[in-house]
Amino acid sequence: MPAITRDEVAHLARLARLAVTETELDAFAGQLDAILTHVAAVSEVAADDVPPTSHPVDLTNVVRPDVVVPGLSQAQALSGAPAAEDGRFRVPQILGDGQ
């Protein structure tokens, strides 16, 4: 007996508001039946002593550890700026007085 019938595929298509032709119903029923059969076979193989996993290989962080290092001083940061004023970067004004 198939895992999903043609009528069930037609019902699902109606629920999803999909326009499906008679030929497509036959094709989709066969494809979905094959998928559901494979899922059932995999479910039978799963043993109670095998924990469920989201990935077949254990994942570990591969980033370097956070280490605090000294940053630039204010003078060093401003040394490459085209303009500085009062210890800050000087940039052109982009908003007018009324904004």
PDB file of N, CA and C in Angstrom:
ATOM      1  N   MET A   1       0.850  -1.187   0.000  1.00  0.00           N
ATOM      2  CA  MET A   1       0.000   0.000   0.000  1.00  0.00           C
ATOM      3  C   MET A   1       0.891   1.246   0.000  1.00  0.00           C
ATOM      4  N   PRO A   2       0.596   2.230  -0.832  1.00  0.00           N
ATOM      5  CA  PRO A   2       1.430   3.439  -0.881  1.00  0.00           C
ATOM      6  C   PRO A   2       1.334   4.243   0.424  1.00  0.00           C
ATOM      7  N   ALA A   3       2.408   4.973   0.717  1.00  0.00           N
ATOM      8  CA  ALA A   3       2.444   5.789   1.930  1.00  0.00           C
ATOM      9  C   ALA A   3       1.536   7.009   1.800  1.00  0.00           C
ATOM     10  N   ILE A   4       1.292   7.445   0.561  1.00  0.00           N
ATOM     11  CA  ILE A   4       0.405   8.587   0.325  1.00  0.00           C
ATOM     12  C   ILE A   4      -0.361   8.315  -0.969  1.00  0.00           C
ATOM     13  N   THR A   5      -1.630   8.594  -0.926  1.00  0.00           N
ATOM     14  CA  THR A   5      -2.458   8.319  -2.094  1.00  0.00           C
ATOM     15  C   THR A   5      -2.586   9.550  -2.982  1.00  0.00           C
ATOM     16  N   ARG A   6      -3.088   9.306  -4.178  1.00  0.00           N
ATOM     17  CA  ARG A   6      -3.313  10.397  -5.126  1.00  0.00           C
ATOM     18  C   ARG A   6      -4.334  11.382  -4.566  1.00  0.00           C
ATOM     19  N   ASP A   7      -5.368  10.858  -3.891  1.00  0.00           N
ATOM     20  CA  ASP A   7      -6.390  11.724  -3.295  1.00  0.00           C
ATOM     21  C   ASP A   7      -5.803  12.602  -2.194  1.00  0.00           C
ATOM     22  N   GLU A   8      -4.871  12.057  -1.409  1.00  0.00           N
ATOM     23  CA  GLU A   8      -4.220  12.852  -0.356  1.00  0.00           C
ATOM     24  C   GLU A   8      -3.354  13.956  -0.962  1.00  0.00           C
ATOM     25  N   VAL A   9      -2.694  13.651  -2.070  1.00  0.00           N
ATOM     26  CA  VAL A   9      -1.889  14.670  -2.759  1.00  0.00           C
ATOM     27  C   VAL A   9      -2.809  15.770  -3.285  1.00  0.00           C
ATOM     28  N   ALA A  10      -3.952  15.387  -3.843  1.00  0.00           N
ATOM     29  CA  ALA A  10      -4.920  16.376  -4.341  1.00  0.00           C
ATOM     30  C   ALA A  10      -5.436  17.236  -3.188  1.00  0.00           C
ATOM     31  N   HIS A  11      -5.694  16.609  -2.050  1.00  0.00           N
ATOM     32  CA  HIS A  11      -6.154  17.356  -0.873  1.00  0.00           C
ATOM     33  C   HIS A  11      -5.085  18.346  -0.402  1.00  0.00           C
ATOM     34  N   LEU A  12      -3.838  17.899  -0.345  1.00  0.00           N
ATOM     35  CA  LEU A  12      -2.741  18.794   0.059  1.00  0.00           C
ATOM     36  C   LEU A  12      -2.581  19.948  -0.934  1.00  0.00           C
ATOM     37  N   ALA A  13      -2.737  19.661  -2.212  1.00  0.00           N
ATOM     38  CA  ALA A  13      -2.633  20.710  -3.231  1.00  0.00           C
ATOM     39  C   ALA A  13      -3.739  21.750  -3.037  1.00  0.00           C
ATOM     40  N   ARG A  14      -4.958  21.271  -2.734  1.00  0.00           N
ATOM     41  CA  ARG A  14      -6.058  22.219  -2.475  1.00  0.00           C
ATOM     42  C   ARG A  14      -5.766  23.067  -1.250  1.00  0.00           C
ATOM     43  N   LEU A  15      -5.271  22.452  -0.186  1.00  0.00           N
ATOM     44  CA  LEU A  15      -4.951  23.203   1.034  1.00  0.00           C
ATOM     45  C   LEU A  15      -3.882  24.256   0.777  1.00  0.00           C
ATOM     46  N   ALA A  16      -2.911  23.921  -0.073  1.00  0.00           N
ATOM     47  CA  ALA A  16      -1.821  24.843  -0.401  1.00  0.00           C
ATOM     48  C   ALA A  16      -2.206  25.795  -1.531  1.00  0.00           C
ATOM     49  N   ARG A  17      -3.449  25.648  -2.020  1.00  0.00           N
ATOM     50  CA  ARG A  17      -3.956  26.489  -3.113  1.00  0.00           C
ATOM     51  C   ARG A  17      -3.057  26.407  -4.352  1.00  0.00           C
ATOM     52  N   LEU A  18      -2.656  25.172  -4.664  1.00  0.00           N
ATOM     53  CA  LEU A  18      -1.830  24.917  -5.845  1.00  0.00           C
ATOM     54  C   LEU A  18      -2.702  24.352  -6.955  1.00  0.00           C
ATOM     55  N   ALA A  19      -2.556  24.889  -8.130  1.00  0.00           N
ATOM     56  CA  ALA A  19      -3.244  24.339  -9.293  1.00  0.00           C
ATOM     57  C   ALA A  19      -2.393  23.192  -9.835  1.00  0.00           C
ATOM     58  N   VAL A  20      -2.924  21.990  -9.727  1.00  0.00           N
ATOM     59  CA  VAL A  20      -2.171  20.800 -10.131  1.00  0.00           C
ATOM     60  C   VAL A  20      -2.998  20.034 -11.160  1.00  0.00           C
ATOM     61  N   THR A  21      -2.362  19.658 -12.250  1.00  0.00           N
ATOM     62  CA  THR A  21      -3.061  18.891 -13.292  1.00  0.00           C
ATOM     63  C   THR A  21      -3.154  17.423 -12.880  1.00  0.00           C
ATOM     64  N   GLU A  22      -3.975  16.678 -13.602  1.00  0.00           N
ATOM     65  CA  GLU A  22      -4.134  15.246 -13.321  1.00  0.00           C
ATOM     66  C   GLU A  22      -2.806  14.501 -13.495  1.00  0.00           C
ATOM     67  N   THR A  23      -2.056  14.874 -14.511  1.00  0.00           N
ATOM     68  CA  THR A  23      -0.752  14.243 -14.758  1.00  0.00           C
ATOM     69  C   THR A  23       0.208  14.549 -13.616  1.00  0.00           C
ATOM     70  N   GLU A  24       0.198  15.800 -13.156  1.00  0.00           N
ATOM     71  CA  GLU A  24       1.075  16.179 -12.045  1.00  0.00           C
ATOM     72  C   GLU A  24       0.680  15.456 -10.767  1.00  0.00           C
ATOM     73  N   LEU A  25      -0.622  15.260 -10.544  1.00  0.00           N
ATOM     74  CA  LEU A  25      -1.059  14.529  -9.354  1.00  0.00           C
ATOM     75  C   LEU A  25      -0.458  13.128  -9.331  1.00  0.00           C
ATOM     76  N   ASP A  26      -0.501  12.446 -10.480  1.00  0.00           N
ATOM     77  CA  ASP A  26       0.080  11.090 -10.553  1.00  0.00           C
ATOM     78  C   ASP A  26       1.583  11.134 -10.289  1.00  0.00           C
ATOM     79  N   ALA A  27       2.275  12.105 -10.881  1.00  0.00           N
ATOM     80  CA  ALA A  27       3.732  12.202 -10.706  1.00  0.00           C
ATOM     81  C   ALA A  27       4.079  12.544  -9.265  1.00  0.00           C
ATOM     82  N   PHE A  28       3.375  13.524  -8.694  1.00  0.00           N
ATOM     83  CA  PHE A  28       3.673  13.931  -7.311  1.00  0.00           C
ATOM     84  C   PHE A  28       3.355  12.815  -6.320  1.00  0.00           C
ATOM     85  N   ALA A  29       2.281  12.089  -6.564  1.00  0.00           N
ATOM     86  CA  ALA A  29       1.925  10.988  -5.665  1.00  0.00           C
ATOM     87  C   ALA A  29       3.048   9.946  -5.646  1.00  0.00           C
ATOM     88  N   GLY A  30       3.587   9.625  -6.819  1.00  0.00           N
ATOM     89  CA  GLY A  30       4.685   8.664  -6.882  1.00  0.00           C
ATOM     90  C   GLY A  30       5.944   9.174  -6.207  1.00  0.00           C
ATOM     91  N   GLN A  31       6.269  10.452  -6.437  1.00  0.00           N
ATOM     92  CA  GLN A  31       7.471  11.044  -5.831  1.00  0.00           C
ATOM     93  C   GLN A  31       7.342  11.128  -4.311  1.00  0.00           C
ATOM     94  N   LEU A  32       6.195  11.611  -3.832  1.00  0.00           N
ATOM     95  CA  LEU A  32       5.994  11.724  -2.385  1.00  0.00           C
ATOM     96  C   LEU A  32       5.963  10.352  -1.716  1.00  0.00           C
ATOM     97  N   ASP A  33       5.386   9.363  -2.403  1.00  0.00           N
ATOM     98  CA  ASP A  33       5.378   8.008  -1.858  1.00  0.00           C
ATOM     99  C   ASP A  33       6.808   7.488  -1.690  1.00  0.00           C
ATOM    100  N   ALA A  34       7.660   7.731  -2.693  1.00  0.00           N
ATOM    101  CA  ALA A  34       9.060   7.288  -2.605  1.00  0.00           C
ATOM    102  C   ALA A  34       9.775   7.982  -1.442  1.00  0.00           C
ATOM    103  N   ILE A  35       9.534   9.274  -1.281  1.00  0.00           N
ATOM    104  CA  ILE A  35      10.169  10.023  -0.183  1.00  0.00           C
ATOM    105  C   ILE A  35       9.717   9.480   1.165  1.00  0.00           C
ATOM    106  N   LEU A  36       8.403   9.306   1.324  1.00  0.00           N
ATOM    107  CA  LEU A  36       7.878   8.813   2.604  1.00  0.00           C
ATOM    108  C   LEU A  36       8.338   7.386   2.899  1.00  0.00           C
ATOM    109  N   THR A  37       8.488   6.570   1.869  1.00  0.00           N
ATOM    110  CA  THR A  37       8.994   5.205   2.055  1.00  0.00           C
ATOM    111  C   THR A  37      10.442   5.234   2.553  1.00  0.00           C
ATOM    112  N   HIS A  38      11.257   6.110   1.981  1.00  0.00           N
ATOM    113  CA  HIS A  38      12.652   6.228   2.424  1.00  0.00           C
ATOM    114  C   HIS A  38      12.733   6.756   3.855  1.00  0.00           C
ATOM    115  N   VAL A  39      11.897   7.716   4.200  1.00  0.00           N
ATOM    116  CA  VAL A  39      11.884   8.253   5.565  1.00  0.00           C
ATOM    117  C   VAL A  39      11.486   7.153   6.544  1.00  0.00           C
ATOM    118  N   ALA A  40      10.520   6.346   6.189  1.00  0.00           N
ATOM    119  CA  ALA A  40      10.105   5.238   7.057  1.00  0.00           C
ATOM    120  C   ALA A  40      11.238   4.232   7.239  1.00  0.00           C
ATOM    121  N   ALA A  41      11.987   3.970   6.169  1.00  0.00           N
ATOM    122  CA  ALA A  41      13.105   3.028   6.266  1.00  0.00           C
ATOM    123  C   ALA A  41      14.188   3.573   7.188  1.00  0.00           C
ATOM    124  N   VAL A  42      14.470   4.850   7.095  1.00  0.00           N
ATOM    125  CA  VAL A  42      15.481   5.456   7.967  1.00  0.00           C
ATOM    126  C   VAL A  42      14.998   5.444   9.414  1.00  0.00           C
ATOM    127  N   SER A  43      13.722   5.679   9.622  1.00  0.00           N
ATOM    128  CA  SER A  43      13.172   5.669  10.980  1.00  0.00           C
ATOM    129  C   SER A  43      13.291   4.291  11.621  1.00  0.00           C
ATOM    130  N   GLU A  44      13.171   3.238  10.815  1.00  0.00           N
ATOM    131  CA  GLU A  44      13.302   1.883  11.347  1.00  0.00           C
ATOM    132  C   GLU A  44      14.730   1.595  11.793  1.00  0.00           C
ATOM    133  N   VAL A  45      15.708   2.166  11.119  1.00  0.00           N
ATOM    134  CA  VAL A  45      17.111   1.918  11.431  1.00  0.00           C
ATOM    135  C   VAL A  45      17.523   2.629  12.720  1.00  0.00           C
ATOM    136  N   ALA A  46      16.946   3.771  12.996  1.00  0.00           N
ATOM    137  CA  ALA A  46      17.331   4.548  14.181  1.00  0.00           C
ATOM    138  C   ALA A  46      17.104   3.711  15.434  1.00  0.00           C
ATOM    139  N   ALA A  47      18.146   3.602  16.229  1.00  0.00           N
ATOM    140  CA  ALA A  47      18.076   2.812  17.445  1.00  0.00           C
ATOM    141  C   ALA A  47      17.925   3.732  18.647  1.00  0.00           C
ATOM    142  N   ASP A  48      17.371   3.177  19.732  1.00  0.00           N
ATOM    143  CA  ASP A  48      17.175   3.974  20.949  1.00  0.00           C
ATOM    144  C   ASP A  48      18.494   4.379  21.589  1.00  0.00           C
ATOM    145  N   ASP A  49      19.564   3.597  21.351  1.00  0.00           N
ATOM    146  CA  ASP A  49      20.845   3.913  21.988  1.00  0.00           C
ATOM    147  C   ASP A  49      21.667   4.921  21.179  1.00  0.00           C
ATOM    148  N   VAL A  50      21.133   5.372  20.049  1.00  0.00           N
ATOM    149  CA  VAL A  50      21.830   6.372  19.234  1.00  0.00           C
ATOM    150  C   VAL A  50      21.170   7.724  19.487  1.00  0.00           C
ATOM    151  N   PRO A  51      21.925   8.663  20.075  1.00  0.00           N
ATOM    152  CA  PRO A  51      21.307   9.959  20.383  1.00  0.00           C
ATOM    153  C   PRO A  51      21.037  10.756  19.103  1.00  0.00           C
ATOM    154  N   PRO A  52      19.945  11.522  19.085  1.00  0.00           N
ATOM    155  CA  PRO A  52      19.682  12.359  17.916  1.00  0.00           C
ATOM    156  C   PRO A  52      20.733  13.456  17.794  1.00  0.00           C
ATOM    157  N   THR A  53      21.120  13.763  16.584  1.00  0.00           N
ATOM    158  CA  THR A  53      22.128  14.792  16.361  1.00  0.00           C
ATOM    159  C   THR A  53      21.672  15.753  15.271  1.00  0.00           C
ATOM    160  N   SER A  54      22.223  16.940  15.287  1.00  0.00           N
ATOM    161  CA  SER A  54      21.916  17.900  14.226  1.00  0.00           C
ATOM    162  C   SER A  54      23.030  17.922  13.193  1.00  0.00           C
ATOM    163  N   HIS A  55      24.145  17.245  13.512  1.00  0.00           N
ATOM    164  CA  HIS A  55      25.288  17.234  12.611  1.00  0.00           C
ATOM    165  C   HIS A  55      26.048  15.932  12.830  1.00  0.00           C
ATOM    166  N   PRO A  56      26.509  15.273  11.781  1.00  0.00           N
ATOM    167  CA  PRO A  56      27.162  13.976  11.955  1.00  0.00           C
ATOM    168  C   PRO A  56      28.517  14.040  12.642  1.00  0.00           C
ATOM    169  N   VAL A  57      29.161  15.194  12.627  1.00  0.00           N
ATOM    170  CA  VAL A  57      30.477  15.346  13.238  1.00  0.00           C
ATOM    171  C   VAL A  57      30.371  16.411  14.331  1.00  0.00           C
ATOM    172  N   ASP A  58      30.992  16.154  15.489  1.00  0.00           N
ATOM    173  CA  ASP A  58      30.970  17.156  16.540  1.00  0.00           C
ATOM    174  C   ASP A  58      31.609  18.446  16.060  1.00  0.00           C
ATOM    175  N   LEU A  59      30.944  19.546  16.343  1.00  0.00           N
ATOM    176  CA  LEU A  59      31.463  20.849  15.929  1.00  0.00           C
ATOM    177  C   LEU A  59      32.146  21.519  17.106  1.00  0.00           C
ATOM    178  N   THR A  60      33.253  22.159  16.827  1.00  0.00           N
ATOM    179  CA  THR A  60      33.947  22.916  17.852  1.00  0.00           C
ATOM    180  C   THR A  60      34.265  24.285  17.292  1.00  0.00           C
ATOM    181  N   ASN A  61      34.409  25.239  18.191  1.00  0.00           N
ATOM    182  CA  ASN A  61      34.768  26.587  17.762  1.00  0.00           C
ATOM    183  C   ASN A  61      36.178  26.585  17.200  1.00  0.00           C
ATOM    184  N   VAL A  62      36.366  27.242  16.086  1.00  0.00           N
ATOM    185  CA  VAL A  62      37.681  27.304  15.472  1.00  0.00           C
ATOM    186  C   VAL A  62      38.213  28.735  15.459  1.00  0.00           C
ATOM    187  N   VAL A  63      37.656  29.572  16.308  1.00  0.00           N
ATOM    188  CA  VAL A  63      38.111  30.953  16.376  1.00  0.00           C
ATOM    189  C   VAL A  63      39.139  31.088  17.495  1.00  0.00           C
ATOM    190  N   ARG A  64      39.943  32.100  17.377  1.00  0.00           N
ATOM    191  CA  ARG A  64      40.958  32.319  18.398  1.00  0.00           C
ATOM    192  C   ARG A  64      40.297  32.823  19.675  1.00  0.00           C
ATOM    193  N   PRO A  65      40.920  32.633  20.807  1.00  0.00           N
ATOM    194  CA  PRO A  65      40.330  33.149  22.053  1.00  0.00           C
ATOM    195  C   PRO A  65      40.417  34.674  22.094  1.00  0.00           C
ATOM    196  N   ASP A  66      39.480  35.289  22.784  1.00  0.00           N
ATOM    197  CA  ASP A  66      39.502  36.738  22.956  1.00  0.00           C
ATOM    198  C   ASP A  66      40.632  37.115  23.898  1.00  0.00           C
ATOM    199  N   VAL A  67      41.505  37.969  23.412  1.00  0.00           N
ATOM    200  CA  VAL A  67      42.624  38.435  24.218  1.00  0.00           C
ATOM    201  C   VAL A  67      42.631  39.961  24.162  1.00  0.00           C
ATOM    202  N   VAL A  68      42.682  40.582  25.306  1.00  0.00           N
ATOM    203  CA  VAL A  68      42.705  42.038  25.350  1.00  0.00           C
ATOM    204  C   VAL A  68      44.109  42.504  24.986  1.00  0.00           C
ATOM    205  N   VAL A  69      44.177  43.375  23.984  1.00  0.00           N
ATOM    206  CA  VAL A  69      45.451  43.954  23.572  1.00  0.00           C
ATOM    207  C   VAL A  69      45.292  45.466  23.553  1.00  0.00           C
ATOM    208  N   PRO A  70      46.374  46.192  23.768  1.00  0.00           N
ATOM    209  CA  PRO A  70      46.248  47.649  23.761  1.00  0.00           C
ATOM    210  C   PRO A  70      45.867  48.160  22.372  1.00  0.00           C
ATOM    211  N   GLY A  71      44.988  49.167  22.340  1.00  0.00           N
ATOM    212  CA  GLY A  71      44.570  49.766  21.083  1.00  0.00           C
ATOM    213  C   GLY A  71      45.414  50.995  20.778  1.00  0.00           C
ATOM    214  N   LEU A  72      44.995  51.726  19.773  1.00  0.00           N
ATOM    215  CA  LEU A  72      45.698  52.944  19.402  1.00  0.00           C
ATOM    216  C   LEU A  72      45.429  54.045  20.425  1.00  0.00           C
ATOM    217  N   SER A  73      46.407  54.871  20.599  1.00  0.00           N
ATOM    218  CA  SER A  73      46.171  56.058  21.425  1.00  0.00           C
ATOM    219  C   SER A  73      45.388  57.057  20.577  1.00  0.00           C
ATOM    220  N   GLN A  74      44.854  58.078  21.219  1.00  0.00           N
ATOM    221  CA  GLN A  74      44.097  59.084  20.486  1.00  0.00           C
ATOM    222  C   GLN A  74      44.972  59.745  19.421  1.00  0.00           C
ATOM    223  N   ALA A  75      46.195  60.057  19.769  1.00  0.00           N
ATOM    224  CA  ALA A  75      47.108  60.711  18.820  1.00  0.00           C
ATOM    225  C   ALA A  75      47.408  59.789  17.637  1.00  0.00           C
ATOM    226  N   GLN A  76      47.612  58.494  17.900  1.00  0.00           N
ATOM    227  CA  GLN A  76      47.880  57.552  16.812  1.00  0.00           C
ATOM    228  C   GLN A  76      46.669  57.420  15.890  1.00  0.00           C
ATOM    229  N   ALA A  77      45.474  57.380  16.464  1.00  0.00           N
ATOM    230  CA  ALA A  77      44.269  57.242  15.650  1.00  0.00           C
ATOM    231  C   ALA A  77      44.056  58.466  14.774  1.00  0.00           C
ATOM    232  N   LEU A  78      44.339  59.650  15.313  1.00  0.00           N
ATOM    233  CA  LEU A  78      44.124  60.887  14.564  1.00  0.00           C
ATOM    234  C   LEU A  78      45.266  61.214  13.609  1.00  0.00           C
ATOM    235  N   SER A  79      46.384  60.510  13.719  1.00  0.00           N
ATOM    236  CA  SER A  79      47.558  60.852  12.909  1.00  0.00           C
ATOM    237  C   SER A  79      47.315  60.671  11.411  1.00  0.00           C
ATOM    238  N   GLY A  80      46.445  59.780  11.004  1.00  0.00           N
ATOM    239  CA  GLY A  80      46.192  59.570   9.585  1.00  0.00           C
ATOM    240  C   GLY A  80      44.962  60.298   9.075  1.00  0.00           C
ATOM    241  N   ALA A  81      44.300  61.055   9.952  1.00  0.00           N
ATOM    242  CA  ALA A  81      43.079  61.752   9.548  1.00  0.00           C
ATOM    243  C   ALA A  81      43.409  62.977   8.707  1.00  0.00           C
ATOM    244  N   PRO A  82      42.587  63.265   7.698  1.00  0.00           N
ATOM    245  CA  PRO A  82      42.827  64.468   6.903  1.00  0.00           C
ATOM    246  C   PRO A  82      42.643  65.740   7.726  1.00  0.00           C
ATOM    247  N   ALA A  83      41.762  65.698   8.731  1.00  0.00           N
ATOM    248  CA  ALA A  83      41.554  66.874   9.590  1.00  0.00           C
ATOM    249  C   ALA A  83      41.125  66.403  10.965  1.00  0.00           C
ATOM    250  N   ALA A  84      41.650  67.066  11.994  1.00  0.00           N
ATOM    251  CA  ALA A  84      41.286  66.769  13.378  1.00  0.00           C
ATOM    252  C   ALA A  84      41.107  68.080  14.114  1.00  0.00           C
ATOM    253  N   GLU A  85      40.225  68.053  15.121  1.00  0.00           N
ATOM    254  CA  GLU A  85      39.981  69.256  15.906  1.00  0.00           C
ATOM    255  C   GLU A  85      39.550  68.839  17.303  1.00  0.00           C
ATOM    256  N   ASP A  86      40.169  69.408  18.318  1.00  0.00           N
ATOM    257  CA  ASP A  86      39.855  69.112  19.721  1.00  0.00           C
ATOM    258  C   ASP A  86      39.890  67.612  20.034  1.00  0.00           C
ATOM    259  N   GLY A  87      40.851  66.902  19.435  1.00  0.00           N
ATOM    260  CA  GLY A  87      41.007  65.478  19.723  1.00  0.00           C
ATOM    261  C   GLY A  87      39.982  64.596  19.034  1.00  0.00           C
ATOM    262  N   ARG A  88      39.308  65.112  18.011  1.00  0.00           N
ATOM    263  CA  ARG A  88      38.290  64.349  17.285  1.00  0.00           C
ATOM    264  C   ARG A  88      38.533  64.476  15.783  1.00  0.00           C
ATOM    265  N   PHE A  89      37.962  63.540  15.037  1.00  0.00           N
ATOM    266  CA  PHE A  89      38.013  63.648  13.584  1.00  0.00           C
ATOM    267  C   PHE A  89      37.130  64.810  13.157  1.00  0.00           C
ATOM    268  N   ARG A  90      37.633  65.612  12.250  1.00  0.00           N
ATOM    269  CA  ARG A  90      36.843  66.727  11.728  1.00  0.00           C
ATOM    270  C   ARG A  90      36.296  66.289  10.372  1.00  0.00           C
ATOM    271  N   VAL A  91      34.960  66.409  10.239  1.00  0.00           N
ATOM    272  CA  VAL A  91      34.303  66.016   9.001  1.00  0.00           C
ATOM    273  C   VAL A  91      33.433  67.163   8.530  1.00  0.00           C
ATOM    274  N   PRO A  92      33.115  67.203   7.240  1.00  0.00           N
ATOM    275  CA  PRO A  92      32.262  68.281   6.738  1.00  0.00           C
ATOM    276  C   PRO A  92      30.848  68.162   7.309  1.00  0.00           C
ATOM    277  N   GLN A  93      30.225  69.277   7.533  1.00  0.00           N
ATOM    278  CA  GLN A  93      28.855  69.296   8.023  1.00  0.00           C
ATOM    279  C   GLN A  93      27.934  68.798   6.900  1.00  0.00           C
ATOM    280  N   ILE A  94      27.012  67.898   7.259  1.00  0.00           N
ATOM    281  CA  ILE A  94      26.135  67.361   6.224  1.00  0.00           C
ATOM    282  C   ILE A  94      24.693  67.830   6.410  1.00  0.00           C
ATOM    283  N   LEU A  95      24.355  68.361   7.549  1.00  0.00           N
ATOM    284  CA  LEU A  95      23.007  68.861   7.796  1.00  0.00           C
ATOM    285  C   LEU A  95      23.059  70.372   7.895  1.00  0.00           C
ATOM    286  N   GLY A  96      22.037  71.030   7.372  1.00  0.00           N
ATOM    287  CA  GLY A  96      21.987  72.468   7.465  1.00  0.00           C
ATOM    288  C   GLY A  96      21.533  72.920   8.854  1.00  0.00           C
ATOM    289  N   ASP A  97      21.493  74.217   9.069  1.00  0.00           N
ATOM    290  CA  ASP A  97      21.104  74.768  10.372  1.00  0.00           C
ATOM    291  C   ASP A  97      19.665  74.430  10.736  1.00  0.00           C
ATOM    292  N   GLY A  98      18.766  74.384   9.782  1.00  0.00           N
ATOM    293  CA  GLY A  98      17.361  74.169  10.062  1.00  0.00           C
ATOM    294  C   GLY A  98      16.968  72.711  10.183  1.00  0.00           C
ATOM    295  N   GLN A  99      17.892  71.778  10.040  1.00  0.00           N
ATOM    296  CA  GLN A  99      17.518  70.355  10.031  1.00  0.00           C
ATOM    297  C   GLN A  99      17.862  69.679  11.313  1.00  0.00           C
TER     298      GLN A  99
END
